[in-house]
Every structure is written in structure tokens, then in C-alpha cells.
């Protein structure tokens, strides 16, 4: 017999939490080792129990789910977290996955799907249901660079200074800086060097 998968639940609604504990505890191959109702307690309990898989709501008192995931994974990079929430906004999904969640499920899904996801995540796989992936695609496409931002990015990759970019594109240096700040934000990077690296890695510009 394989060892059961040790689960920790983080859910602020007591009735939902107790219901999940009862359902999952009655499922073969799963063992609920702890359940808490806020993000700070989740961090403390994870440190103590180091469960195999954690189910985490996003809306939590004291410390939100995304930040709790970020902190837990900062301390335990191997932590496997499944977000289980009612929130399906593309930004919520994006932020949770950026923080390191391995799966994103909406409450109301069948128990079978939850159990399947727990097993998949335990094996190290990501699990993003189609509806959630669609939302995520919307979020990512909303961050597309404009044609002018791409022109500026191409010149950053080519190593051109702001003054040269300004002359190339017939725009002021102040406008160049505005475009650079915008594209840094969209790419999620802090400086020009990182922007150039990401641009090449993602195939946003060709590097000759």
C-alpha cells in the first residue's frame, strides 16, 4: 500500500472547511493532516507539518492566499499548492500562478476532479482546467506590447541609447522613457537588460 497523500486545507469558512475535511478524509489515498482559516496560520502550520499538497483559498483574513503561497514557497520551494476558490478573475489566476500555485480550481467542481488534481499535483504536474486556462490567456493577451513599444524594444535589444531611439523613431526622449516604463511593466522586468533578455527568450524580437 502506498503512503496516503498528506493534505493541508486553508479555508476561512468553517462549514466549507469542515465539509472538505470530511469529504477528503473519507477518500482512499488521502489524509488530511491539518486545516486552518487564515494565511498567517497556514504559514505556521505548513512549517510544522510540511504536507504533500496544500489546498488554499484566496480570500483569507490576516494574510491573503496569494501572499501566503508566495511566503510558503519562499521558505519551502518544493511546496505544492492548489488554489481552491470562487474567484475566477484573470488577474486572480495570474497572480496565484505567479506566486507558485500548481493548480487553480473553482469551488463547485466535482469531488472526482479535485481528487484527480490532488494526485496530479502530488506527482509534480500542473493542472489548469480549460475554463481557467482561457481566462489566463485573456490576461496574458491583455499585456501585449503596442507596435511602438515593440519598436523601442527592438532598439533596446540592439543596444541603442534613449537619444538614438528618439532620433530613430522621431519622438522625444521623454516619450521614449514613457514607452520603456510601459513595456518594462508589461514584461514584468525591472530594467532594460532584463527586458532585452526576456524579449529574446520569448521571441518578441529577433536578435541578429
Foldseek 3Di string as FASTA:
>chain_A
DDAAFEEEEEAQDPVVQVVVQVVQCPDPRHHHPYYYHALVVVLVVCVVPVGLEYEHEQDGPPDGRLVSLLVNCVVVVNYEYEYEYQDLALVVLVSNVVSPHQEYHYPPDDPVVVVVCSVQSSVVHGYYDPVSVVNPVVVLVVLDQDPLLLLLLQVLLVVDDLVVSCVVVVHDSVVSVVSVVSNCVSLVHDDSVVSSVSCPVVVVDPRD
